[in-house]
PDB file of N, CA and C in Angstrom:
ATOM      1  N   MET A   1      -1.989  48.489  68.675  1.00  0.00           N
ATOM      2  CA  MET A   1      -1.236  47.250  68.686  1.00  0.00           C
ATOM      3  C   MET A   1      -0.105  47.280  67.655  1.00  0.00           C
ATOM      4  N   ILE A   2      -0.330  47.913  66.509  1.00  0.00           N
ATOM      5  CA  ILE A   2       0.705  47.973  65.473  1.00  0.00           C
ATOM      6  C   ILE A   2       1.925  48.746  65.987  1.00  0.00           C
ATOM      7  N   GLN A   3       1.691  49.748  66.856  1.00  0.00           N
ATOM      8  CA  GLN A   3       2.816  50.499  67.412  1.00  0.00           C
ATOM      9  C   GLN A   3       3.700  49.595  68.272  1.00  0.00           C
ATOM     10  N   LEU A   4       3.081  48.738  69.063  1.00  0.00           N
ATOM     11  CA  LEU A   4       3.833  47.800  69.889  1.00  0.00           C
ATOM     12  C   LEU A   4       4.633  46.835  69.003  1.00  0.00           C
ATOM     13  N   PHE A   5       4.023  46.367  67.930  1.00  0.00           N
ATOM     14  CA  PHE A   5       4.693  45.496  66.965  1.00  0.00           C
ATOM     15  C   PHE A   5       5.913  46.204  66.369  1.00  0.00           C
ATOM     16  N   ARG A   6       5.740  47.451  65.974  1.00  0.00           N
ATOM     17  CA  ARG A   6       6.843  48.218  65.384  1.00  0.00           C
ATOM     18  C   ARG A   6       7.966  48.444  66.386  1.00  0.00           C
ATOM     19  N   ILE A   7       7.604  48.763  67.624  1.00  0.00           N
ATOM     20  CA  ILE A   7       8.615  48.980  68.663  1.00  0.00           C
ATOM     21  C   ILE A   7       9.384  47.685  68.931  1.00  0.00           C
ATOM     22  N   ALA A   8       8.666  46.567  69.014  1.00  0.00           N
ATOM     23  CA  ALA A   8       9.325  45.273  69.247  1.00  0.00           C
ATOM     24  C   ALA A   8      10.254  44.916  68.091  1.00  0.00           C
ATOM     25  N   LEU A   9       9.800  45.132  66.860  1.00  0.00           N
ATOM     26  CA  LEU A   9      10.654  44.859  65.696  1.00  0.00           C
ATOM     27  C   LEU A   9      11.906  45.720  65.721  1.00  0.00           C
ATOM     28  N   ALA A  10      11.720  47.014  65.966  1.00  0.00           N
ATOM     29  CA  ALA A  10      12.854  47.933  65.967  1.00  0.00           C
ATOM     30  C   ALA A  10      13.835  47.595  67.094  1.00  0.00           C
ATOM     31  N   ALA A  11      13.323  47.288  68.283  1.00  0.00           N
ATOM     32  CA  ALA A  11      14.193  46.949  69.415  1.00  0.00           C
ATOM     33  C   ALA A  11      14.956  45.649  69.152  1.00  0.00           C
ATOM     34  N   ALA A  12      14.271  44.644  68.644  1.00  0.00           N
ATOM     35  CA  ALA A  12      14.924  43.363  68.338  1.00  0.00           C
ATOM     36  C   ALA A  12      15.964  43.547  67.241  1.00  0.00           C
ATOM     37  N   TRP A  13      15.618  44.340  66.226  1.00  0.00           N
ATOM     38  CA  TRP A  13      16.552  44.592  65.120  1.00  0.00           C
ATOM     39  C   TRP A  13      17.801  45.293  65.634  1.00  0.00           C
ATOM     40  N   LEU A  14      17.625  46.321  66.472  1.00  0.00           N
ATOM     41  CA  LEU A  14      18.767  47.061  67.008  1.00  0.00           C
ATOM     42  C   LEU A  14      19.648  46.163  67.874  1.00  0.00           C
ATOM     43  N   ARG A  15      19.044  45.356  68.733  1.00  0.00           N
ATOM     44  CA  ARG A  15      19.812  44.435  69.578  1.00  0.00           C
ATOM     45  C   ARG A  15      20.587  43.433  68.721  1.00  0.00           C
ATOM     46  N   LEU A  16      19.933  42.892  67.712  1.00  0.00           N
ATOM     47  CA  LEU A  16      20.590  41.938  66.828  1.00  0.00           C
ATOM     48  C   LEU A  16      21.728  42.594  66.054  1.00  0.00           C
ATOM     49  N   LEU A  17      21.538  43.833  65.631  1.00  0.00           N
ATOM     50  CA  LEU A  17      22.594  44.560  64.933  1.00  0.00           C
ATOM     51  C   LEU A  17      23.816  44.721  65.838  1.00  0.00           C
ATOM     52  N   ILE A  18      23.590  45.093  67.098  1.00  0.00           N
ATOM     53  CA  ILE A  18      24.693  45.260  68.047  1.00  0.00           C
ATOM     54  C   ILE A  18      25.431  43.940  68.260  1.00  0.00           C
ATOM     55  N   VAL A  19      24.698  42.852  68.466  1.00  0.00           N
ATOM     56  CA  VAL A  19      25.313  41.535  68.667  1.00  0.00           C
ATOM     57  C   VAL A  19      26.071  41.099  67.415  1.00  0.00           C
ATOM     58  N   THR A  20      25.505  41.355  66.241  1.00  0.00           N
ATOM     59  CA  THR A  20      26.139  40.975  64.973  1.00  0.00           C
ATOM     60  C   THR A  20      27.438  41.739  64.753  1.00  0.00           C
ATOM     61  N   VAL A  21      27.415  43.045  64.971  1.00  0.00           N
ATOM     62  CA  VAL A  21      28.625  43.854  64.804  1.00  0.00           C
ATOM     63  C   VAL A  21      29.696  43.402  65.788  1.00  0.00           C
ATOM     64  N   HIS A  22      29.304  43.144  67.036  1.00  0.00           N
ATOM     65  CA  HIS A  22      30.264  42.662  68.035  1.00  0.00           C
ATOM     66  C   HIS A  22      30.888  41.333  67.595  1.00  0.00           C
ATOM     67  N   ALA A  23      30.061  40.403  67.139  1.00  0.00           N
ATOM     68  CA  ALA A  23      30.583  39.097  66.692  1.00  0.00           C
ATOM     69  C   ALA A  23      31.514  39.266  65.503  1.00  0.00           C
ATOM     70  N   GLY A  24      31.122  40.082  64.552  1.00  0.00           N
ATOM     71  CA  GLY A  24      31.953  40.298  63.367  1.00  0.00           C
ATOM     72  C   GLY A  24      33.287  40.930  63.707  1.00  0.00           C
ATOM     73  N   GLN A  25      33.261  41.914  64.600  1.00  0.00           N
ATOM     74  CA  GLN A  25      34.500  42.588  64.978  1.00  0.00           C
ATOM     75  C   GLN A  25      35.383  41.710  65.866  1.00  0.00           C
ATOM     76  N   THR A  26      34.774  40.882  66.689  1.00  0.00           N
ATOM     77  CA  THR A  26      35.536  40.048  67.616  1.00  0.00           C
ATOM     78  C   THR A  26      36.111  38.809  66.943  1.00  0.00           C
ATOM     79  N   LEU A  27      35.280  38.106  66.170  1.00  0.00           N
ATOM     80  CA  LEU A  27      35.696  36.826  65.593  1.00  0.00           C
ATOM     81  C   LEU A  27      36.011  36.879  64.108  1.00  0.00           C
ATOM     82  N   GLY A  28      35.607  37.935  63.448  1.00  0.00           N
ATOM     83  CA  GLY A  28      35.840  38.065  62.014  1.00  0.00           C
ATOM     84  C   GLY A  28      34.572  37.815  61.222  1.00  0.00           C
ATOM     85  N   TRP A  29      34.357  38.627  60.210  1.00  0.00           N
ATOM     86  CA  TRP A  29      33.134  38.551  59.408  1.00  0.00           C
ATOM     87  C   TRP A  29      33.063  37.278  58.573  1.00  0.00           C
ATOM     88  N   ASP A  30      34.200  36.684  58.284  1.00  0.00           N
ATOM     89  CA  ASP A  30      34.232  35.490  57.448  1.00  0.00           C
ATOM     90  C   ASP A  30      34.015  34.199  58.242  1.00  0.00           C
ATOM     91  N   LYS A  31      33.810  34.293  59.540  1.00  0.00           N
ATOM     92  CA  LYS A  31      33.716  33.098  60.385  1.00  0.00           C
ATOM     93  C   LYS A  31      32.288  32.634  60.675  1.00  0.00           C
ATOM     94  N   ALA A  32      31.273  33.391  60.293  1.00  0.00           N
ATOM     95  CA  ALA A  32      29.886  33.043  60.648  1.00  0.00           C
ATOM     96  C   ALA A  32      29.513  31.646  60.160  1.00  0.00           C
ATOM     97  N   GLY A  33      29.813  31.342  58.925  1.00  0.00           N
ATOM     98  CA  GLY A  33      29.493  30.018  58.377  1.00  0.00           C
ATOM     99  C   GLY A  33      30.235  28.903  59.084  1.00  0.00           C
ATOM    100  N   ASP A  34      31.487  29.180  59.455  1.00  0.00           N
ATOM    101  CA  ASP A  34      32.272  28.173  60.173  1.00  0.00           C
ATOM    102  C   ASP A  34      31.596  27.796  61.489  1.00  0.00           C
ATOM    103  N   PHE A  35      31.099  28.793  62.212  1.00  0.00           N
ATOM    104  CA  PHE A  35      30.440  28.524  63.489  1.00  0.00           C
ATOM    105  C   PHE A  35      29.097  27.829  63.289  1.00  0.00           C
ATOM    106  N   PHE A  36      28.330  28.298  62.318  1.00  0.00           N
ATOM    107  CA  PHE A  36      27.004  27.712  62.077  1.00  0.00           C
ATOM    108  C   PHE A  36      27.127  26.236  61.723  1.00  0.00           C
ATOM    109  N   PHE A  37      27.977  25.921  60.751  1.00  0.00           N
ATOM    110  CA  PHE A  37      28.107  24.532  60.308  1.00  0.00           C
ATOM    111  C   PHE A  37      28.995  23.719  61.243  1.00  0.00           C
ATOM    112  N   GLY A  38      29.994  24.338  61.863  1.00  0.00           N
ATOM    113  CA  GLY A  38      30.879  23.641  62.790  1.00  0.00           C
ATOM    114  C   GLY A  38      30.158  23.177  64.043  1.00  0.00           C
ATOM    115  N   ASP A  39      29.138  23.926  64.444  1.00  0.00           N
ATOM    116  CA  ASP A  39      28.383  23.555  65.641  1.00  0.00           C
ATOM    117  C   ASP A  39      27.482  22.351  65.423  1.00  0.00           C
ATOM    118  N   MET A  40      27.367  21.858  64.225  1.00  0.00           N
ATOM    119  CA  MET A  40      26.479  20.728  63.933  1.00  0.00           C
ATOM    120  C   MET A  40      26.939  19.439  64.616  1.00  0.00           C
ATOM    121  N   ALA A  41      28.187  19.401  65.091  1.00  0.00           N
ATOM    122  CA  ALA A  41      28.671  18.210  65.792  1.00  0.00           C
ATOM    123  C   ALA A  41      28.029  18.079  67.175  1.00  0.00           C
ATOM    124  N   HIS A  42      27.612  19.189  67.751  1.00  0.00           N
ATOM    125  CA  HIS A  42      26.946  19.175  69.053  1.00  0.00           C
ATOM    126  C   HIS A  42      25.446  18.971  68.811  1.00  0.00           C
ATOM    127  N   PRO A  43      24.834  17.926  69.387  1.00  0.00           N
ATOM    128  CA  PRO A  43      23.440  17.601  69.073  1.00  0.00           C
ATOM    129  C   PRO A  43      22.443  18.751  69.289  1.00  0.00           C
ATOM    130  N   TRP A  44      22.563  19.488  70.391  1.00  0.00           N
ATOM    131  CA  TRP A  44      21.593  20.562  70.623  1.00  0.00           C
ATOM    132  C   TRP A  44      21.841  21.766  69.732  1.00  0.00           C
ATOM    133  N   ARG A  45      23.088  22.053  69.453  1.00  0.00           N
ATOM    134  CA  ARG A  45      23.372  23.157  68.514  1.00  0.00           C
ATOM    135  C   ARG A  45      22.922  22.775  67.112  1.00  0.00           C
ATOM    136  N   ALA A  46      23.100  21.499  66.771  1.00  0.00           N
ATOM    137  CA  ALA A  46      22.615  21.022  65.473  1.00  0.00           C
ATOM    138  C   ALA A  46      21.097  21.149  65.391  1.00  0.00           C
ATOM    139  N   GLN A  47      20.411  20.812  66.483  1.00  0.00           N
ATOM    140  CA  GLN A  47      18.954  20.935  66.505  1.00  0.00           C
ATOM    141  C   GLN A  47      18.551  22.398  66.343  1.00  0.00           C
ATOM    142  N   PHE A  48      19.194  23.286  67.106  1.00  0.00           N
ATOM    143  CA  PHE A  48      18.869  24.709  67.044  1.00  0.00           C
ATOM    144  C   PHE A  48      19.143  25.275  65.655  1.00  0.00           C
ATOM    145  N   ASN A  49      20.316  24.969  65.109  1.00  0.00           N
ATOM    146  CA  ASN A  49      20.672  25.494  63.790  1.00  0.00           C
ATOM    147  C   ASN A  49      19.752  24.958  62.698  1.00  0.00           C
ATOM    148  N   THR A  50      19.364  23.688  62.797  1.00  0.00           N
ATOM    149  CA  THR A  50      18.443  23.114  61.817  1.00  0.00           C
ATOM    150  C   THR A  50      17.067  23.758  61.934  1.00  0.00           C
ATOM    151  N   ASP A  51      16.598  23.941  63.156  1.00  0.00           N
ATOM    152  CA  ASP A  51      15.320  24.610  63.397  1.00  0.00           C
ATOM    153  C   ASP A  51      15.352  26.034  62.828  1.00  0.00           C
ATOM    154  N   PHE A  52      16.428  26.751  63.117  1.00  0.00           N
ATOM    155  CA  PHE A  52      16.591  28.125  62.633  1.00  0.00           C
ATOM    156  C   PHE A  52      16.602  28.164  61.102  1.00  0.00           C
ATOM    157  N   PHE A  53      17.332  27.238  60.486  1.00  0.00           N
ATOM    158  CA  PHE A  53      17.407  27.217  59.026  1.00  0.00           C
ATOM    159  C   PHE A  53      16.042  26.909  58.404  1.00  0.00           C
ATOM    160  N   CYS A  54      15.297  25.992  59.010  1.00  0.00           N
ATOM    161  CA  CYS A  54      13.939  25.699  58.514  1.00  0.00           C
ATOM    162  C   CYS A  54      13.050  26.932  58.599  1.00  0.00           C
ATOM    163  N   MET A  55      13.180  27.702  59.671  1.00  0.00           N
ATOM    164  CA  MET A  55      12.412  28.940  59.810  1.00  0.00           C
ATOM    165  C   MET A  55      12.823  29.942  58.736  1.00  0.00           C
ATOM    166  N   LEU A  56      14.114  30.043  58.464  1.00  0.00           N
ATOM    167  CA  LEU A  56      14.576  30.928  57.397  1.00  0.00           C
ATOM    168  C   LEU A  56      13.981  30.520  56.049  1.00  0.00           C
ATOM    169  N   LEU A  57      13.933  29.215  55.783  1.00  0.00           N
ATOM    170  CA  LEU A  57      13.353  28.746  54.522  1.00  0.00           C
ATOM    171  C   LEU A  57      11.864  29.046  54.438  1.00  0.00           C
ATOM    172  N   LEU A  58      11.157  28.884  55.548  1.00  0.00           N
ATOM    173  CA  LEU A  58       9.727  29.202  55.574  1.00  0.00           C
ATOM    174  C   LEU A  58       9.498  30.684  55.294  1.00  0.00           C
ATOM    175  N   ILE A  59      10.260  31.539  55.933  1.00  0.00           N
ATOM    176  CA  ILE A  59      10.133  32.978  55.710  1.00  0.00           C
ATOM    177  C   ILE A  59      10.494  33.318  54.264  1.00  0.00           C
ATOM    178  N   ALA A  60      11.511  32.669  53.723  1.00  0.00           N
ATOM    179  CA  ALA A  60      11.906  32.918  52.338  1.00  0.00           C
ATOM    180  C   ALA A  60      10.777  32.532  51.379  1.00  0.00           C
ATOM    181  N   MET A  61      10.126  31.396  51.624  1.00  0.00           N
ATOM    182  CA  MET A  61       8.999  30.991  50.769  1.00  0.00           C
ATOM    183  C   MET A  61       7.854  31.991  50.880  1.00  0.00           C
ATOM    184  N   TRP A  62       7.604  32.481  52.099  1.00  0.00           N
ATOM    185  CA  TRP A  62       6.557  33.484  52.289  1.00  0.00           C
ATOM    186  C   TRP A  62       6.887  34.755  51.516  1.00  0.00           C
ATOM    187  N   MET A  63       8.148  35.148  51.518  1.00  0.00           N
ATOM    188  CA  MET A  63       8.531  36.371  50.807  1.00  0.00           C
ATOM    189  C   MET A  63       8.327  36.238  49.306  1.00  0.00           C
ATOM    190  N   VAL A  64       8.619  35.078  48.750  1.00  0.00           N
ATOM    191  CA  VAL A  64       8.368  34.858  47.321  1.00  0.00           C
ATOM    192  C   VAL A  64       6.870  34.944  47.042  1.00  0.00           C
ATOM    193  N   TRP A  65       6.077  34.338  47.875  1.00  0.00           N
ATOM    194  CA  TRP A  65       4.616  34.351  47.711  1.00  0.00           C
ATOM    195  C   TRP A  65       4.054  35.748  47.924  1.00  0.00           C
ATOM    196  N   HIS A  66       4.609  36.482  48.856  1.00  0.00           N
ATOM    197  CA  HIS A  66       4.105  37.777  49.304  1.00  0.00           C
ATOM    198  C   HIS A  66       4.411  38.923  48.335  1.00  0.00           C
ATOM    199  N   ALA A  67       5.575  38.914  47.721  1.00  0.00           N
ATOM    200  CA  ALA A  67       6.087  40.056  46.961  1.00  0.00           C
ATOM    201  C   ALA A  67       5.233  40.371  45.738  1.00  0.00           C
ATOM    202  N   LYS A  68       5.357  41.619  45.291  1.00  0.00           N
ATOM    203  CA  LYS A  68       4.590  42.064  44.119  1.00  0.00           C
ATOM    204  C   LYS A  68       4.972  41.283  42.868  1.00  0.00           C
ATOM    205  N   SER A  69       6.224  40.891  42.770  1.00  0.00           N
ATOM    206  CA  SER A  69       6.658  40.088  41.622  1.00  0.00           C
ATOM    207  C   SER A  69       7.499  38.922  42.124  1.00  0.00           C
ATOM    208  N   ARG A  70       7.533  37.851  41.368  1.00  0.00           N
ATOM    209  CA  ARG A  70       8.319  36.672  41.767  1.00  0.00           C
ATOM    210  C   ARG A  70       9.810  37.009  41.838  1.00  0.00           C
ATOM    211  N   LEU A  71      10.290  37.809  40.884  1.00  0.00           N
ATOM    212  CA  LEU A  71      11.707  38.173  40.873  1.00  0.00           C
ATOM    213  C   LEU A  71      12.078  38.946  42.140  1.00  0.00           C
ATOM    214  N   LEU A  72      11.262  39.909  42.514  1.00  0.00           N
ATOM    215  CA  LEU A  72      11.489  40.657  43.743  1.00  0.00           C
ATOM    216  C   LEU A  72      11.384  39.722  44.945  1.00  0.00           C
ATOM    217  N   GLY A  73      10.440  38.800  44.909  1.00  0.00           N
ATOM    218  CA  GLY A  73      10.276  37.834  45.987  1.00  0.00           C
ATOM    219  C   GLY A  73      11.503  36.963  46.160  1.00  0.00           C
ATOM    220  N   VAL A  74      12.080  36.516  45.055  1.00  0.00           N
ATOM    221  CA  VAL A  74      13.299  35.694  45.128  1.00  0.00           C
ATOM    222  C   VAL A  74      14.451  36.515  45.711  1.00  0.00           C
ATOM    223  N   LEU A  75      14.565  37.770  45.306  1.00  0.00           N
ATOM    224  CA  LEU A  75      15.601  38.641  45.861  1.00  0.00           C
ATOM    225  C   LEU A  75      15.408  38.796  47.371  1.00  0.00           C
ATOM    226  N   PHE A  76      14.178  39.076  47.802  1.00  0.00           N
ATOM    227  CA  PHE A  76      13.897  39.206  49.228  1.00  0.00           C
ATOM    228  C   PHE A  76      14.148  37.889  49.967  1.00  0.00           C
ATOM    229  N   ALA A  77      13.823  36.776  49.346  1.00  0.00           N
ATOM    230  CA  ALA A  77      14.046  35.466  49.961  1.00  0.00           C
ATOM    231  C   ALA A  77      15.532  35.224  50.203  1.00  0.00           C
ATOM    232  N   VAL A  78      16.350  35.517  49.214  1.00  0.00           N
ATOM    233  CA  VAL A  78      17.800  35.342  49.363  1.00  0.00           C
ATOM    234  C   VAL A  78      18.325  36.264  50.461  1.00  0.00           C
ATOM    235  N   LEU A  79      17.856  37.509  50.462  1.00  0.00           N
ATOM    236  CA  LEU A  79      18.297  38.448  51.497  1.00  0.00           C
ATOM    237  C   LEU A  79      17.859  38.005  52.888  1.00  0.00           C
ATOM    238  N   SER A  80      16.675  37.406  52.986  1.00  0.00           N
ATOM    239  CA  SER A  80      16.220  36.955  54.309  1.00  0.00           C
ATOM    240  C   SER A  80      17.005  35.734  54.784  1.00  0.00           C
ATOM    241  N   ILE A  81      17.380  34.850  53.875  1.00  0.00           N
ATOM    242  CA  ILE A  81      18.195  33.691  54.264  1.00  0.00           C
ATOM    243  C   ILE A  81      19.606  34.142  54.646  1.00  0.00           C
ATOM    244  N   MET A  82      20.173  35.018  53.857  1.00  0.00           N
ATOM    245  CA  MET A  82      21.543  35.474  54.123  1.00  0.00           C
ATOM    246  C   MET A  82      21.611  36.465  55.289  1.00  0.00           C
ATOM    247  N   GLY A  83      20.582  37.284  55.442  1.00  0.00           N
ATOM    248  CA  GLY A  83      20.601  38.323  56.465  1.00  0.00           C
ATOM    249  C   GLY A  83      19.797  38.001  57.706  1.00  0.00           C
ATOM    250  N   GLY A  84      19.031  36.910  57.652  1.00  0.00           N
ATOM    251  CA  GLY A  84      18.228  36.526  58.811  1.00  0.00           C
ATOM    252  C   GLY A  84      17.294  37.643  59.250  1.00  0.00           C
ATOM    253  N   CYS A  85      17.192  37.817  60.543  1.00  0.00           N
ATOM    254  CA  CYS A  85      16.281  38.823  61.102  1.00  0.00           C
ATOM    255  C   CYS A  85      16.737  40.244  60.829  1.00  0.00           C
ATOM    256  N   LEU A  86      18.026  40.449  60.574  1.00  0.00           N
ATOM    257  CA  LEU A  86      18.469  41.809  60.244  1.00  0.00           C
ATOM    258  C   LEU A  86      17.742  42.301  58.998  1.00  0.00           C
ATOM    259  N   PHE A  87      17.550  41.428  58.027  1.00  0.00           N
ATOM    260  CA  PHE A  87      16.781  41.825  56.845  1.00  0.00           C
ATOM    261  C   PHE A  87      15.281  41.699  57.088  1.00  0.00           C
ATOM    262  N   THR A  88      14.856  40.575  57.633  1.00  0.00           N
ATOM    263  CA  THR A  88      13.429  40.278  57.758  1.00  0.00           C
ATOM    264  C   THR A  88      12.708  41.278  58.654  1.00  0.00           C
ATOM    265  N   PHE A  89      13.301  41.649  59.792  1.00  0.00           N
ATOM    266  CA  PHE A  89      12.646  42.615  60.681  1.00  0.00           C
ATOM    267  C   PHE A  89      12.543  43.981  60.015  1.00  0.00           C
ATOM    268  N   ALA A  90      13.600  44.394  59.319  1.00  0.00           N
ATOM    269  CA  ALA A  90      13.549  45.673  58.604  1.00  0.00           C
ATOM    270  C   ALA A  90      12.465  45.630  57.520  1.00  0.00           C
ATOM    271  N   TYR A  91      12.374  44.513  56.820  1.00  0.00           N
ATOM    272  CA  TYR A  91      11.357  44.333  55.780  1.00  0.00           C
ATOM    273  C   TYR A  91       9.955  44.460  56.373  1.00  0.00           C
ATOM    274  N   LEU A  92       9.709  43.773  57.486  1.00  0.00           N
ATOM    275  CA  LEU A  92       8.393  43.833  58.121  1.00  0.00           C
ATOM    276  C   LEU A  92       8.075  45.231  58.647  1.00  0.00           C
ATOM    277  N   LEU A  93       9.063  45.910  59.169  1.00  0.00           N
ATOM    278  CA  LEU A  93       8.855  47.268  59.661  1.00  0.00           C
ATOM    279  C   LEU A  93       8.467  48.199  58.511  1.00  0.00           C
ATOM    280  N   VAL A  94       9.190  48.107  57.413  1.00  0.00           N
ATOM    281  CA  VAL A  94       8.853  48.918  56.230  1.00  0.00           C
ATOM    282  C   VAL A  94       7.453  48.578  55.730  1.00  0.00           C
ATOM    283  N   GLN A  95       7.131  47.279  55.677  1.00  0.00           N
ATOM    284  CA  GLN A  95       5.799  46.869  55.217  1.00  0.00           C
ATOM    285  C   GLN A  95       4.704  47.417  56.131  1.00  0.00           C
ATOM    286  N   SER A  96       4.963  47.474  57.437  1.00  0.00           N
ATOM    287  CA  SER A  96       3.940  47.982  58.359  1.00  0.00           C
ATOM    288  C   SER A  96       3.645  49.458  58.095  1.00  0.00           C
ATOM    289  N   PHE A  97       4.651  50.214  57.692  1.00  0.00           N
ATOM    290  CA  PHE A  97       4.423  51.624  57.356  1.00  0.00           C
ATOM    291  C   PHE A  97       3.827  51.757  55.958  1.00  0.00           C
ATOM    292  N   ARG A  98       4.323  50.949  55.019  1.00  0.00           N
ATOM    293  CA  ARG A  98       3.821  51.010  53.650  1.00  0.00           C
ATOM    294  C   ARG A  98       2.332  50.706  53.579  1.00  0.00           C
ATOM    295  N   THR A  99       1.874  49.802  54.424  1.00  0.00           N
ATOM    296  CA  THR A  99       0.465  49.408  54.419  1.00  0.00           C
ATOM    297  C   THR A  99      -0.366  50.182  55.448  1.00  0.00           C
ATOM    298  N   LYS A 100       0.273  51.206  56.046  1.00  0.00           N
ATOM    299  CA  LYS A 100      -0.397  52.048  57.052  1.00  0.00           C
ATOM    300  C   LYS A 100      -0.921  51.225  58.233  1.00  0.00           C
ATOM    301  N   GLY A 101      -0.171  50.217  58.619  1.00  0.00           N
ATOM    302  CA  GLY A 101      -0.518  49.414  59.783  1.00  0.00           C
ATOM    303  C   GLY A 101      -1.579  48.358  59.556  1.00  0.00           C
ATOM    304  N   ASN A 102      -1.950  48.111  58.323  1.00  0.00           N
ATOM    305  CA  ASN A 102      -2.965  47.105  57.999  1.00  0.00           C
ATOM    306  C   ASN A 102      -2.312  45.717  58.077  1.00  0.00           C
ATOM    307  N   THR A 103      -2.581  45.006  59.148  1.00  0.00           N
ATOM    308  CA  THR A 103      -1.947  43.709  59.392  1.00  0.00           C
ATOM    309  C   THR A 103      -2.249  42.705  58.285  1.00  0.00           C
ATOM    310  N   ALA A 104      -3.476  42.678  57.799  1.00  0.00           N
ATOM    311  CA  ALA A 104      -3.837  41.751  56.717  1.00  0.00           C
ATOM    312  C   ALA A 104      -3.014  42.054  55.467  1.00  0.00           C
ATOM    313  N   ALA A 105      -2.834  43.337  55.159  1.00  0.00           N
ATOM    314  CA  ALA A 105      -2.039  43.716  53.987  1.00  0.00           C
ATOM    315  C   ALA A 105      -0.572  43.351  54.177  1.00  0.00           C
ATOM    316  N   VAL A 106      -0.064  43.494  55.417  1.00  0.00           N
ATOM    317  CA  VAL A 106       1.325  43.108  55.693  1.00  0.00           C
ATOM    318  C   VAL A 106       1.501  41.613  55.460  1.00  0.00           C
ATOM    319  N   LEU A 107       0.578  40.816  55.962  1.00  0.00           N
ATOM    320  CA  LEU A 107       0.704  39.361  55.864  1.00  0.00           C
ATOM    321  C   LEU A 107       0.437  38.828  54.462  1.00  0.00           C
ATOM    322  N   LEU A 108      -0.542  39.397  53.778  1.00  0.00           N
ATOM    323  CA  LEU A 108      -0.963  38.851  52.484  1.00  0.00           C
ATOM    324  C   LEU A 108      -0.244  39.458  51.282  1.00  0.00           C
ATOM    325  N   GLY A 109       0.345  40.636  51.436  1.00  0.00           N
ATOM    326  CA  GLY A 109       1.077  41.254  50.338  1.00  0.00           C
ATOM    327  C   GLY A 109       0.231  41.421  49.096  1.00  0.00           C
ATOM    328  N   ARG A 110       0.732  40.920  47.968  1.00  0.00           N
ATOM    329  CA  ARG A 110       0.017  41.088  46.697  1.00  0.00           C
ATOM    330  C   ARG A 110      -1.316  40.345  46.655  1.00  0.00           C
ATOM    331  N   HIS A 111      -1.549  39.458  47.589  1.00  0.00           N
ATOM    332  CA  HIS A 111      -2.798  38.707  47.633  1.00  0.00           C
ATOM    333  C   HIS A 111      -3.888  39.440  48.411  1.00  0.00           C
ATOM    334  N   TYR A 112      -3.531  40.583  48.996  1.00  0.00           N
ATOM    335  CA  TYR A 112      -4.498  41.343  49.783  1.00  0.00           C
ATOM    336  C   TYR A 112      -5.427  42.136  48.874  1.00  0.00           C
ATOM    337  N   SER A 113      -6.674  42.122  49.230  1.00  0.00           N
ATOM    338  CA  SER A 113      -7.665  42.937  48.528  1.00  0.00           C
ATOM    339  C   SER A 113      -8.410  43.756  49.571  1.00  0.00           C
ATOM    340  N   ALA A 114      -8.536  45.041  49.354  1.00  0.00           N
ATOM    341  CA  ALA A 114      -9.235  45.927  50.297  1.00  0.00           C
ATOM    342  C   ALA A 114     -10.690  45.502  50.471  1.00  0.00           C
ATOM    343  N   ARG A 115     -11.247  44.805  49.499  1.00  0.00           N
ATOM    344  CA  ARG A 115     -12.632  44.334  49.589  1.00  0.00           C
ATOM    345  C   ARG A 115     -12.748  43.121  50.504  1.00  0.00           C
ATOM    346  N   GLY A 116     -11.594  42.487  50.817  1.00  0.00           N
ATOM    347  CA  GLY A 116     -11.637  41.349  51.722  1.00  0.00           C
ATOM    348  C   GLY A 116     -11.577  39.996  51.024  1.00  0.00           C
ATOM    349  N   ASP A 117     -11.575  39.976  49.704  1.00  0.00           N
ATOM    350  CA  ASP A 117     -11.526  38.694  48.993  1.00  0.00           C
ATOM    351  C   ASP A 117     -10.130  38.473  48.439  1.00  0.00           C
ATOM    352  N   SER A 118      -9.273  37.836  49.269  1.00  0.00           N
ATOM    353  CA  SER A 118      -7.917  37.548  48.829  1.00  0.00           C
ATOM    354  C   SER A 118      -7.908  36.326  47.921  1.00  0.00           C
ATOM    355  N   GLN A 119      -6.857  36.241  47.106  1.00  0.00           N
ATOM    356  CA  GLN A 119      -6.754  35.153  46.118  1.00  0.00           C
ATOM    357  C   GLN A 119      -6.318  33.862  46.769  1.00  0.00           C
TER     358      GLN A 119
END
């Protein structure tokens, strides 16, 4: 199952990278914020963007909690908010290899104990 997870992460990351590069080259790298915040006038785009931002904040909080140190966690949190899935998927893929596919260790990070008693 971990192999399927890794393949899905890698495929999604690659697709997102292609879409991101295309958007940056077509519309300009400095325009992402303009589109994100400018779309807030449209009710459904505002809903989608707000939902997406809340998910980014949740993932950022998880990264702070998950990381070996709070400072590293804050760095990862900022990178996940600024980089979205381009950073987060790569992070999860690396974690899946670092933990040798142990899903509990991937999810719990520094709170994982091989004995099964997490903090």
